[in-house]
């Protein structure tokens, strides 16, 4: 009997690695970990082994459905008020702060405790089938044998800096090691199609393949990293690395129409997603014209409501009491729906709103032939620009999203993790796996995932159509639209008093990658805004 397996992600090379592992007899977890490790090599400022992430594992045969949350906490040397005097403004979409000297945005103090490597190892140790060394091997090959600069990668590298934020090219140019790897002698990023090799990262991954994460968190690699980072003035210490632990959580469970929705716990974006779905459930979206002015106005008011609640209420639950029962109340959702019908418009307050937040994140969705599934989003946040000589990977810049003002949900505290909109999500219909999806895209992640769920459930779209449809968002008092939302539509919204921000890209506002499980097989959707692919494998299960 032939069954299908699938890997969907923004990098063809990484998807190849996942398929190779499935061919070798690995399960969805093996394939997801191999894919993620390959992503850290072939998309080097989107993600990295010194980044952070959140991912869910669903294994019906083992009665397993859990999240591995490997968020990057603030270093133990951090203090709640250490940057309060440096505050200049807040990103327009509310996903980061602009400080004098940009200390939170680039450079040594922007680095939170590296988490991704330990998160991937924990996931594999719990549920993988193949040996760890075999799962790491594809990433080593990409680093040693090389890959090339892809169009989506290059477009991201040349993103211009805006209103106080550091541009991506400056992150590539920040240290000598990074310039050697990714830039031409004149400082421009290497051209599309240029071969890239990363022997330093290959060396690190070879040691990790042999010894696991121990040298990275407790041994010689940790010593090398901390020695270098502290010489630059970083807050990271050996204690930060040694104390770091991955959190395993039960899913946050909600419902929308006839679907059960499972997503991640705070400080992830799952609660924000479920709140929006709860409110929209009170409206007949199927009876509305998709992406009409009325549809956009409704969904954007819901997005604004969820954004204001996120700003006030969602932080690291180890440090801040998140009122989940209130946020996810169906009664509260009905009240909000009544307010929207009555014409209420929600307002989002920002401190000197400036640049939008960068979008340095990636995602993967995997389903194997046994019905096991993984959805994982991992990131560098805004990468710090720093590579320890000879090691080949950039460190995260996770400190940029913390609120420098004390006493708030997102305030800095030692050991605290910041909010992330990442929300790897699964849906179930009649108790059976229905959809596996997630996205990169900074604060727009939850909005992109929301769009695709509405497209699949309310508008009956197949997955590739659902991730390709034009998107819009409102995480500020502006309605942001991609360039495939017609101007006659946005003029109607402007006539209603809304401010419109038009993105020059046709495919933007997160980049969703997902799988739809149908009676006729697995349907993958790779967002056209990236270099993504949906690779399928047919598996003979009779052998």
Protein backbone atom coordinates (compact mmCIF):
# COMPACT_ATOMS: atom_id res chain seq x y z
CA UNK A 1 0.00 0.00 0.00
CA UNK A 2 1.32 3.43 -0.95
CA UNK A 3 1.04 6.34 1.46
CA UNK A 4 2.33 9.88 1.22
CA UNK A 5 4.70 11.97 3.30
CA UNK A 6 5.45 15.66 2.78
CA UNK A 7 7.88 18.41 3.76
CA UNK A 8 6.93 22.05 3.20
CA UNK A 9 9.30 24.93 3.95
CA UNK A 10 10.80 28.09 2.43
CA UNK A 11 14.14 26.51 1.39
CA UNK A 12 14.39 23.77 -1.28
CA UNK A 13 17.68 22.51 0.14
CA UNK A 14 16.19 22.05 3.60
CA UNK A 15 13.12 20.30 2.22
CA UNK A 16 15.43 17.92 0.32
CA UNK A 17 17.12 17.07 3.60
CA UNK A 18 13.80 16.28 5.24
CA UNK A 19 12.76 14.03 2.36
CA UNK A 20 16.13 12.23 2.47
CA UNK A 21 15.58 11.44 6.14
CA UNK A 22 12.07 10.15 5.44
CA UNK A 23 13.48 7.96 2.64
CA UNK A 24 16.00 6.56 5.13
CA UNK A 25 13.19 5.42 7.41
CA UNK A 26 12.95 8.45 9.66
CA UNK A 27 9.68 9.69 11.06
CA UNK A 28 8.21 13.21 10.97
CA UNK A 29 10.31 14.32 13.94
CA UNK A 30 13.56 13.09 12.38
CA UNK A 31 12.63 14.85 9.13
CA UNK A 32 11.65 18.07 10.90
CA UNK A 33 14.88 18.23 12.90
CA UNK A 34 16.99 17.52 9.80
CA UNK A 35 15.05 20.17 7.87
CA UNK A 36 15.47 22.73 10.65
CA UNK A 37 19.21 22.10 10.98
CA UNK A 38 19.60 22.44 7.21
CA UNK A 39 17.64 25.71 7.38
CA UNK A 40 20.18 27.08 9.88
CA UNK A 41 22.86 26.55 7.23
CA UNK A 42 21.07 27.57 4.02
CA UNK A 43 19.08 30.54 5.41
CA UNK A 44 21.68 31.97 7.78
CA UNK A 45 20.03 35.19 8.97
CA UNK A 46 16.51 33.80 9.05
CA UNK A 47 17.42 31.19 11.65
CA UNK A 48 20.33 29.55 13.40
CA UNK A 49 21.42 27.06 16.02
CA UNK A 50 21.88 30.05 18.36
CA UNK A 51 18.29 31.17 17.78
CA UNK A 52 14.96 30.21 19.32
CA UNK A 53 11.71 28.56 18.31
CA UNK A 54 8.53 26.71 19.08
CA UNK A 55 7.23 23.49 17.54
CA UNK A 56 4.52 20.92 17.97
CA UNK A 57 4.73 17.15 17.59
CA UNK A 58 1.61 15.07 16.87
CA UNK A 59 1.98 11.28 16.90
CA UNK A 60 -1.45 9.61 17.04
CA UNK A 61 -0.04 6.09 17.35
CA UNK A 62 1.79 7.09 20.56
CA UNK A 63 -1.01 9.36 21.82
CA UNK A 64 1.43 12.28 21.72
CA UNK A 65 0.55 15.90 21.04
CA UNK A 66 2.90 18.38 22.70
CA UNK A 67 4.87 21.55 22.15
CA UNK A 68 8.61 22.00 22.49
CA UNK A 69 9.09 25.67 23.36
CA UNK A 70 12.71 26.70 23.06
CA UNK A 71 12.39 30.45 23.59
CA UNK A 72 15.50 32.57 24.15
CA UNK A 73 15.47 34.12 27.62
CA UNK A 74 17.13 37.37 28.58
CA UNK A 75 20.58 36.77 30.09
CA UNK A 76 20.78 36.50 33.86
CA UNK A 77 22.81 39.72 33.90
CA UNK A 78 19.92 41.68 32.33
CA UNK A 79 17.94 44.16 34.43
CA UNK A 80 14.38 45.43 34.02
CA UNK A 81 15.35 49.10 33.88
CA UNK A 82 18.75 48.85 32.18
CA UNK A 83 17.57 50.44 28.92
CA UNK A 84 14.66 52.56 30.16
CA UNK A 85 16.66 55.77 29.64
CA UNK A 86 17.49 54.82 26.06
CA UNK A 87 13.90 54.52 24.76
CA UNK A 88 13.26 56.52 21.58
CA UNK A 89 10.24 54.76 20.11
CA UNK A 90 8.34 51.61 19.32
CA UNK A 91 8.02 49.83 16.00
CA UNK A 92 4.82 50.76 14.21
CA UNK A 93 3.47 47.21 14.46
CA UNK A 94 4.38 46.93 18.15
CA UNK A 95 6.96 44.18 17.78
CA UNK A 96 10.11 45.82 19.04
CA UNK A 97 11.57 49.01 20.49
CA UNK A 98 14.00 51.59 19.11
CA UNK A 99 16.73 52.56 21.58
CA UNK A 100 19.56 55.07 21.45
CA UNK A 101 22.67 53.35 20.16
CA UNK A 102 20.51 50.44 18.89
CA UNK A 103 21.98 48.28 21.66
CA UNK A 104 18.93 45.98 21.63
CA UNK A 105 18.88 45.66 17.85
CA UNK A 106 22.40 44.71 16.81
CA UNK A 107 25.67 43.85 18.48
CA UNK A 108 26.63 41.92 21.63
CA UNK A 109 23.96 43.14 24.07
CA UNK A 110 21.13 42.23 21.68
CA UNK A 111 21.83 38.51 22.20
CA UNK A 112 19.54 36.31 24.30
CA UNK A 113 20.47 32.82 25.46
CA UNK A 114 20.86 30.52 22.41
CA UNK A 115 18.08 27.93 22.41
CA UNK A 116 17.47 26.30 19.02
CA UNK A 117 20.09 23.56 19.15
CA UNK A 118 18.88 22.33 22.52
CA UNK A 119 15.26 22.51 21.36
CA UNK A 120 15.91 20.38 18.29
CA UNK A 121 17.89 17.87 20.32
CA UNK A 122 15.10 17.60 22.91
CA UNK A 123 12.50 16.99 20.23
CA UNK A 124 14.64 14.29 18.64
CA UNK A 125 15.49 12.61 21.93
CA UNK A 126 11.81 12.42 22.84
CA UNK A 127 10.33 11.22 19.56
CA UNK A 128 12.96 10.62 16.87
CA UNK A 129 13.59 7.20 15.33
CA UNK A 130 16.93 7.50 13.53
CA UNK A 131 20.28 8.13 15.25
CA UNK A 132 21.01 11.80 16.03
CA UNK A 133 24.20 11.71 13.97
CA UNK A 134 22.26 10.64 10.88
CA UNK A 135 19.75 13.45 11.34
CA UNK A 136 22.49 16.11 11.63
CA UNK A 137 24.43 14.83 8.59
CA UNK A 138 22.44 16.62 5.82
CA UNK A 139 23.12 20.02 7.40
CA UNK A 140 26.83 19.22 7.59
CA UNK A 141 26.83 18.37 3.87
CA UNK A 142 25.20 21.71 2.96
CA UNK A 143 27.80 23.57 5.00
CA UNK A 144 30.74 21.63 3.55
CA UNK A 145 29.65 21.01 -0.04
CA UNK A 146 27.87 24.33 -0.43
CA UNK A 147 24.61 25.84 -1.60
CA UNK A 148 23.90 29.09 -3.41
CA UNK A 149 22.26 32.44 -2.81
CA UNK A 150 18.57 32.10 -3.66
CA UNK A 151 16.39 34.98 -4.95
CA UNK A 152 14.29 35.20 -1.77
CA UNK A 153 17.41 35.14 0.39
CA UNK A 154 19.06 37.89 -1.67
CA UNK A 155 15.97 40.10 -1.63
CA UNK A 156 15.91 39.85 2.13
CA UNK A 157 19.61 40.63 2.47
CA UNK A 158 19.23 43.93 0.62
CA UNK A 159 16.22 45.17 2.63
CA UNK A 160 16.83 48.86 3.32
CA UNK A 161 17.05 50.22 6.89
CA UNK A 162 14.08 52.36 7.92
CA UNK A 163 13.46 54.91 10.68
CA UNK A 164 16.10 53.86 13.17
CA UNK A 165 16.07 50.13 12.55
CA UNK A 166 19.16 48.26 11.40
CA UNK A 167 18.96 47.03 7.80
CA UNK A 168 19.72 43.43 6.96
CA UNK A 169 22.79 44.30 4.92
CA UNK A 170 24.30 45.98 7.98
CA UNK A 171 23.71 42.75 9.89
CA UNK A 172 25.62 40.84 7.22
CA UNK A 173 28.43 43.40 7.30
CA UNK A 174 28.63 43.80 11.07
CA UNK A 175 31.58 41.48 11.72
CA UNK A 176 34.48 40.26 9.60
CA UNK A 177 33.41 36.61 9.70
CA UNK A 178 29.97 37.44 8.31
CA UNK A 179 31.38 39.75 5.62
CA UNK A 180 33.69 36.96 4.44
CA UNK A 181 30.85 34.45 4.27
CA UNK A 182 28.10 36.54 2.67
CA UNK A 183 29.48 39.76 1.16
CA UNK A 184 31.60 40.78 -1.82
CA UNK A 185 34.83 42.76 -1.29
CA UNK A 186 32.95 46.05 -1.79
CA UNK A 187 30.47 45.15 0.94
CA UNK A 188 27.51 44.28 -1.27
CA UNK A 189 25.86 40.91 -0.55
CA UNK A 190 26.94 38.08 -2.80
CA UNK A 191 24.83 37.82 -5.95
CA UNK A 192 22.02 35.37 -6.65
CA UNK A 193 23.52 32.03 -7.64
CA UNK A 194 26.84 32.61 -5.86
CA UNK A 195 28.07 29.39 -4.19
CA UNK A 196 28.35 29.59 -0.41
CA UNK A 197 30.37 27.31 1.87
CA UNK A 198 30.58 27.46 5.64
CA UNK A 199 33.39 25.29 6.95
CA UNK A 200 33.21 26.80 10.42
CA UNK A 201 29.62 25.76 10.83
CA UNK A 202 30.36 22.35 9.34
CA UNK A 203 32.98 21.86 12.05
CA UNK A 204 30.57 22.86 14.82
CA UNK A 205 27.85 20.58 13.43
CA UNK A 206 30.27 17.65 13.16
CA UNK A 207 31.08 17.97 16.84
CA UNK A 208 27.37 18.30 17.67
CA UNK A 209 26.62 15.20 15.59
CA UNK A 210 29.13 13.22 17.63
CA UNK A 211 28.54 14.68 21.10
CA UNK A 212 25.06 16.25 21.03
CA UNK A 213 24.41 19.71 22.43
CA UNK A 214 26.62 19.21 25.51
CA UNK A 215 29.74 20.98 24.17
CA UNK A 216 27.53 23.89 23.00
CA UNK A 217 25.99 24.43 26.44
CA UNK A 218 28.57 23.02 28.86
CA UNK A 219 31.85 22.30 27.07
CA UNK A 220 34.50 23.73 24.79
CA UNK A 221 32.10 25.35 22.32
CA UNK A 222 30.37 27.17 25.19
CA UNK A 223 33.73 28.39 26.49
CA UNK A 224 34.70 29.67 23.06
CA UNK A 225 31.38 31.44 22.49
CA UNK A 226 31.20 33.13 25.89
CA UNK A 227 34.84 34.19 25.84
CA UNK A 228 34.34 35.91 22.49
CA UNK A 229 30.97 37.45 23.31
CA UNK A 230 32.05 38.82 26.67
CA UNK A 231 35.11 40.38 25.04
CA UNK A 232 32.63 42.41 23.00
CA UNK A 233 30.51 43.40 26.00
CA UNK A 234 27.72 40.82 25.76
CA UNK A 235 25.53 39.93 28.74
CA UNK A 236 25.68 36.16 28.06
CA UNK A 237 27.57 34.00 30.58
CA UNK A 238 28.46 30.33 30.90
CA UNK A 239 25.74 30.11 33.55
CA UNK A 240 23.12 31.23 31.00
CA UNK A 241 24.09 28.37 28.72
CA UNK A 242 24.43 25.77 31.46
CA UNK A 243 21.05 26.58 33.01
CA UNK A 244 19.05 26.69 29.78
CA UNK A 245 16.16 24.22 29.58
CA UNK A 246 13.57 23.48 26.89
CA UNK A 247 9.94 23.65 28.03
CA UNK A 248 7.49 20.93 27.00
CA UNK A 249 3.89 22.13 27.04
CA UNK A 250 0.47 20.80 26.26
CA UNK A 251 -1.19 22.54 23.30
CA UNK A 252 -3.44 25.52 23.78
CA UNK A 253 -6.75 24.17 22.48
CA UNK A 254 -9.61 26.12 20.93
CA UNK A 255 -12.34 25.65 18.37
CA UNK A 256 -13.50 27.39 15.22
CA UNK A 257 -16.67 26.27 13.45
CA UNK A 258 -16.33 22.48 13.09
CA UNK A 259 -12.56 22.42 13.74
CA UNK A 260 -10.52 21.88 16.87
CA UNK A 261 -7.52 24.24 16.80
CA UNK A 262 -4.30 23.44 18.66
CA UNK A 263 -1.56 26.02 18.97
CA UNK A 264 1.19 27.15 21.34
CA UNK A 265 1.10 28.57 24.85
CA UNK A 266 2.37 32.05 25.80
CA UNK A 267 4.78 33.67 25.24
CA UNK A 268 3.95 32.34 21.77
CA UNK A 269 1.27 33.82 19.52
CA UNK A 270 -1.28 31.02 19.89
CA UNK A 271 -3.56 32.88 22.30
CA UNK A 272 -3.70 35.83 19.90
CA UNK A 273 -4.70 33.48 17.07
CA UNK A 274 -7.44 31.77 19.09
CA UNK A 275 -8.84 35.09 20.30
CA UNK A 276 -9.23 36.29 16.71
CA UNK A 277 -10.89 33.05 15.62
CA UNK A 278 -13.30 33.19 18.57
CA UNK A 279 -14.47 36.68 17.59
CA UNK A 280 -14.73 35.92 13.86
CA UNK A 281 -16.77 32.80 14.57
CA UNK A 282 -19.67 35.18 15.27
CA UNK A 283 -19.74 36.39 11.66
CA UNK A 284 -20.79 34.68 8.43
CA UNK A 285 -17.48 35.04 6.62
CA UNK A 286 -18.48 32.51 3.97
CA UNK A 287 -21.38 34.76 3.06
CA UNK A 288 -19.05 37.75 2.57
CA UNK A 289 -17.03 38.46 -0.55
CA UNK A 290 -13.43 37.41 0.12
CA UNK A 291 -11.16 40.47 0.60
CA UNK A 292 -14.01 42.92 -0.02
CA UNK A 293 -13.86 46.25 1.87
CA UNK A 294 -16.41 44.93 4.39
CA UNK A 295 -14.41 41.73 4.91
CA UNK A 296 -11.12 43.59 5.35
CA UNK A 297 -12.67 46.09 7.77
CA UNK A 298 -14.14 43.32 9.93
CA UNK A 299 -11.02 41.16 10.09
CA UNK A 300 -8.77 44.18 10.74
CA UNK A 301 -10.86 45.35 13.68
CA UNK A 302 -10.50 41.86 15.13
CA UNK A 303 -6.75 41.98 14.50
CA UNK A 304 -6.51 45.33 16.29
CA UNK A 305 -8.46 44.04 19.29
CA UNK A 306 -6.17 41.01 19.59
CA UNK A 307 -3.09 43.22 19.20
CA UNK A 308 -4.13 45.55 22.03
CA UNK A 309 -4.78 42.53 24.24
CA UNK A 310 -1.42 41.03 23.33
CA UNK A 311 0.38 44.25 24.22
CA UNK A 312 -1.29 44.40 27.64
CA UNK A 313 -1.66 40.77 28.60
CA UNK A 314 0.69 38.29 26.93
CA UNK A 315 4.17 37.68 28.27
CA UNK A 316 6.26 34.88 29.69
CA UNK A 317 3.89 33.04 32.09
CA UNK A 318 6.80 32.27 34.40
CA UNK A 319 7.04 35.99 35.11
CA UNK A 320 3.64 37.45 34.22
CA UNK A 321 0.14 36.22 34.92
CA UNK A 322 -1.45 35.81 31.49
CA UNK A 323 -5.29 35.97 31.74
CA UNK A 324 -5.87 33.14 29.27
CA UNK A 325 -9.38 32.33 30.49
CA UNK A 326 -10.45 35.91 29.78
CA UNK A 327 -8.60 36.23 26.47
CA UNK A 328 -10.03 32.97 25.12
CA UNK A 329 -13.58 33.39 26.48
CA UNK A 330 -16.27 32.73 23.89
CA UNK A 331 -18.52 35.12 25.87
CA UNK A 332 -15.94 37.89 25.59
CA UNK A 333 -15.66 37.14 21.88
CA UNK A 334 -19.42 37.54 21.44
CA UNK A 335 -19.28 40.89 23.27
CA UNK A 336 -16.51 42.12 20.99
CA UNK A 337 -18.47 40.96 17.93
CA UNK A 338 -21.45 42.97 19.17
CA UNK A 339 -19.25 46.04 19.59
CA UNK A 340 -17.88 45.67 16.05
CA UNK A 341 -21.40 45.34 14.63
CA UNK A 342 -22.29 48.54 16.46
CA UNK A 343 -19.45 50.33 14.67
CA UNK A 344 -16.75 50.36 17.33
CA UNK A 345 -13.20 50.79 16.08
CA UNK A 346 -10.27 49.72 18.21
CA UNK A 347 -7.20 51.90 18.65
CA UNK A 348 -3.60 50.78 19.21
CA UNK A 349 -1.27 53.07 21.12
CA UNK A 350 2.44 53.15 20.33
CA UNK A 351 5.41 55.15 21.68
CA UNK A 352 6.69 57.31 18.80
CA UNK A 353 5.81 54.63 16.22
CA UNK A 354 8.62 54.05 13.75
CA UNK A 355 9.89 51.28 11.56
CA UNK A 356 8.20 47.92 11.11
CA UNK A 357 9.99 45.01 12.70
CA UNK A 358 12.30 42.80 10.59
CA UNK A 359 11.11 39.34 9.61
CA UNK A 360 14.04 37.04 10.33
CA UNK A 361 12.26 33.74 10.90
CA UNK A 362 11.50 30.48 9.11
CA UNK A 363 9.04 27.60 9.33
CA UNK A 364 8.54 23.95 8.37
CA UNK A 365 5.54 21.64 8.22
CA UNK A 366 6.02 17.85 7.96
CA UNK A 367 3.62 14.91 7.81
CA UNK A 368 4.94 11.35 7.50
CA UNK A 369 3.30 8.22 6.07
CA UNK A 370 2.12 7.11 9.52
CA UNK A 371 0.21 10.34 10.08
CA UNK A 372 2.77 11.83 12.47
CA UNK A 373 3.17 15.58 12.02
CA UNK A 374 5.41 18.45 13.07
CA UNK A 375 4.88 22.19 12.73
CA UNK A 376 7.85 24.29 13.80
CA UNK A 377 8.76 27.98 13.60
CA UNK A 378 12.28 29.05 14.51
CA UNK A 379 14.18 32.28 14.21
CA UNK A 380 17.05 34.58 15.06
CA UNK A 381 14.59 37.43 15.76
CA UNK A 382 16.62 40.40 14.46
CA UNK A 383 20.04 38.74 14.14
CA UNK A 384 22.79 40.33 16.18
CA UNK A 385 25.28 40.45 13.31
CA UNK A 386 27.89 38.61 15.40
CA UNK A 387 29.65 35.37 14.48
CA UNK A 388 32.31 33.93 16.78
CA UNK A 389 35.41 33.45 14.57
CA UNK A 390 35.60 29.94 13.16
CA UNK A 391 32.06 28.93 14.21
CA UNK A 392 30.05 30.14 11.21
CA UNK A 393 26.63 30.98 12.71
CA UNK A 394 25.06 34.29 13.73
CA UNK A 395 23.66 34.76 17.21
CA UNK A 396 20.07 35.82 17.81
CA UNK A 397 19.03 39.39 18.54
CA UNK A 398 16.13 38.47 20.83
CA UNK A 399 16.53 41.43 23.19
CA UNK A 400 15.04 43.79 20.59
CA UNK A 401 11.44 42.87 21.36
CA UNK A 402 11.61 43.31 25.14
CA UNK A 403 9.88 46.43 26.47
CA UNK A 404 12.51 48.67 28.14
CA UNK A 405 9.81 50.14 30.42
CA UNK A 406 9.54 48.27 33.74
CA UNK A 407 6.33 46.72 35.00
CA UNK A 408 4.83 45.60 31.70
CA UNK A 409 3.98 42.23 30.18
CA UNK A 410 6.99 42.45 27.88
CA UNK A 411 9.48 44.07 30.28
CA UNK A 412 13.02 42.75 30.60
CA UNK A 413 13.81 40.39 33.48
CA UNK A 414 16.72 37.98 33.85
CA UNK A 415 15.74 34.58 32.51
CA UNK A 416 12.48 35.86 30.98
CA UNK A 417 11.44 35.04 27.40
CA UNK A 418 9.93 37.69 25.17
CA UNK A 419 6.64 37.47 23.28
CA UNK A 420 6.80 35.92 19.83
CA UNK A 421 3.97 35.89 17.29
CA UNK A 422 5.15 32.44 16.16
CA UNK A 423 2.21 30.07 16.37
CA UNK A 424 2.78 26.67 14.73
CA UNK A 425 -0.74 25.32 14.55
CA UNK A 426 -2.73 22.18 13.73
CA UNK A 427 -6.44 21.72 13.15
CA UNK A 428 -8.57 18.61 13.54
CA UNK A 429 -11.91 17.73 11.97
CA UNK A 430 -13.96 14.87 13.42
CA UNK A 431 -10.92 13.97 15.51
CA UNK A 432 -8.64 13.58 12.50
CA UNK A 433 -5.64 15.74 11.56
CA UNK A 434 -6.81 18.32 9.07
CA UNK A 435 -4.23 21.11 8.66
CA UNK A 436 -0.58 21.63 9.71
CA UNK A 437 0.74 25.16 9.26
CA UNK A 438 2.77 28.09 10.48
CA UNK A 439 4.81 30.99 9.13
CA UNK A 440 7.73 33.35 9.44
CA UNK A 441 6.95 37.06 9.37
CA UNK A 442 7.62 38.85 12.66
CA UNK A 443 4.49 40.27 14.24
CA UNK A 444 2.51 39.33 11.13
CA UNK A 445 2.87 35.60 11.76
CA UNK A 446 -0.41 35.19 13.63
CA UNK A 447 -2.15 37.29 10.98
CA UNK A 448 -0.86 35.15 8.12
CA UNK A 449 -1.86 31.94 9.89
CA UNK A 450 -5.30 33.43 10.58
CA UNK A 451 -5.76 34.26 6.90
CA UNK A 452 -4.95 30.74 5.78
CA UNK A 453 -7.27 29.14 8.33
CA UNK A 454 -10.12 31.40 7.21
CA UNK A 455 -9.31 30.63 3.57
CA UNK A 456 -9.37 26.87 4.17
CA UNK A 457 -12.30 26.65 6.59
CA UNK A 458 -14.63 29.46 5.51
CA UNK A 459 -13.70 29.91 1.88
CA UNK A 460 -13.05 26.24 1.07
CA UNK A 461 -9.67 26.85 -0.56
CA UNK A 462 -7.13 24.10 -1.17
CA UNK A 463 -3.86 24.73 0.70
CA UNK A 464 -1.76 26.20 -2.11
CA UNK A 465 -4.54 28.62 -3.01
CA UNK A 466 -5.04 29.45 0.65
CA UNK A 467 -1.40 30.45 1.22
CA UNK A 468 -1.25 32.32 -2.11
CA UNK A 469 -4.34 34.52 -1.68
CA UNK A 470 -3.69 38.26 -1.09
CA UNK A 471 -3.35 39.23 2.56
CA UNK A 472 -3.85 42.31 4.71
CA UNK A 473 -3.20 43.11 8.35
CA UNK A 474 -3.72 45.67 11.07
CA UNK A 475 -1.27 45.53 13.98
CA UNK A 476 -1.37 49.33 14.23
CA UNK A 477 -4.03 51.91 13.38
CA UNK A 478 -3.12 51.47 9.71
CA UNK A 479 -4.53 48.74 7.50
CA UNK A 480 -1.54 47.22 5.69
CA UNK A 481 -2.22 45.49 2.39
CA UNK A 482 -0.13 43.58 -0.10
CA UNK A 483 0.03 45.00 -3.60
CA UNK A 484 -2.54 42.52 -4.94
CA UNK A 485 -5.34 44.14 -2.94
CA UNK A 486 -6.82 46.49 -5.59
CA UNK A 487 -6.81 50.23 -5.05
CA UNK A 488 -10.55 50.41 -5.61
CA UNK A 489 -10.87 48.22 -2.53
CA UNK A 490 -8.55 50.34 -0.40
CA UNK A 491 -10.19 53.57 -1.62
CA UNK A 492 -13.47 52.30 -0.18
CA UNK A 493 -11.70 51.76 3.15
CA UNK A 494 -10.10 55.20 3.00
CA UNK A 495 -13.57 56.65 2.45
CA UNK A 496 -14.51 55.02 5.76
CA UNK A 497 -11.67 56.87 7.47
CA UNK A 498 -8.99 54.15 7.51
CA UNK A 499 -5.33 54.84 6.82
CA UNK A 500 -3.85 52.40 4.28
CA UNK A 501 -0.27 51.17 4.02
CA UNK A 502 0.47 49.53 0.68
CA UNK A 503 3.33 47.05 0.65
CA UNK A 504 5.21 46.96 -2.70
CA UNK A 505 5.39 43.16 -2.56
CA UNK A 506 2.62 41.02 -4.03
CA UNK A 507 3.19 38.26 -1.49
CA UNK A 508 3.79 39.49 2.04
CA UNK A 509 2.30 39.77 5.56
CA UNK A 510 3.91 36.55 6.78
CA UNK A 511 4.89 33.65 4.55
CA UNK A 512 2.71 30.67 5.42
CA UNK A 513 3.76 27.08 4.72
CA UNK A 514 1.25 24.34 5.40
CA UNK A 515 -0.19 20.91 4.71
CA UNK A 516 -3.82 19.92 4.25
CA UNK A 517 -4.74 16.29 4.90
CA UNK A 518 -7.43 15.24 2.42
CA UNK A 519 -9.07 11.96 1.44
CA UNK A 520 -7.02 11.96 -1.79
CA UNK A 521 -3.71 12.60 -0.04
CA UNK A 522 -1.55 15.38 1.35
CA UNK A 523 -1.81 18.85 -0.20
CA UNK A 524 1.11 21.18 0.46
CA UNK A 525 1.17 24.93 0.17
CA UNK A 526 4.43 26.91 -0.07
CA UNK A 527 4.04 30.67 0.10
CA UNK A 528 5.04 32.28 -3.24
CA UNK A 529 6.70 35.13 -1.35
CA UNK A 530 9.69 32.94 -0.54
CA UNK A 531 11.73 30.29 -2.33
CA UNK A 532 9.56 27.60 -0.74
CA UNK A 533 8.60 24.13 -1.91
CA UNK A 534 6.25 21.31 -0.96
CA UNK A 535 8.08 18.03 -1.60
CA UNK A 536 6.13 14.77 -1.43
CA UNK A 537 7.31 11.23 -0.95
CA UNK A 538 5.29 8.09 -1.70
CA UNK A 539 6.02 5.36 0.80
CA UNK A 540 5.27 1.65 0.36
CA UNK A 541 3.89 0.64 3.77
CA UNK A 542 3.39 -3.02 2.82
CA UNK A 543 7.09 -3.85 3.11
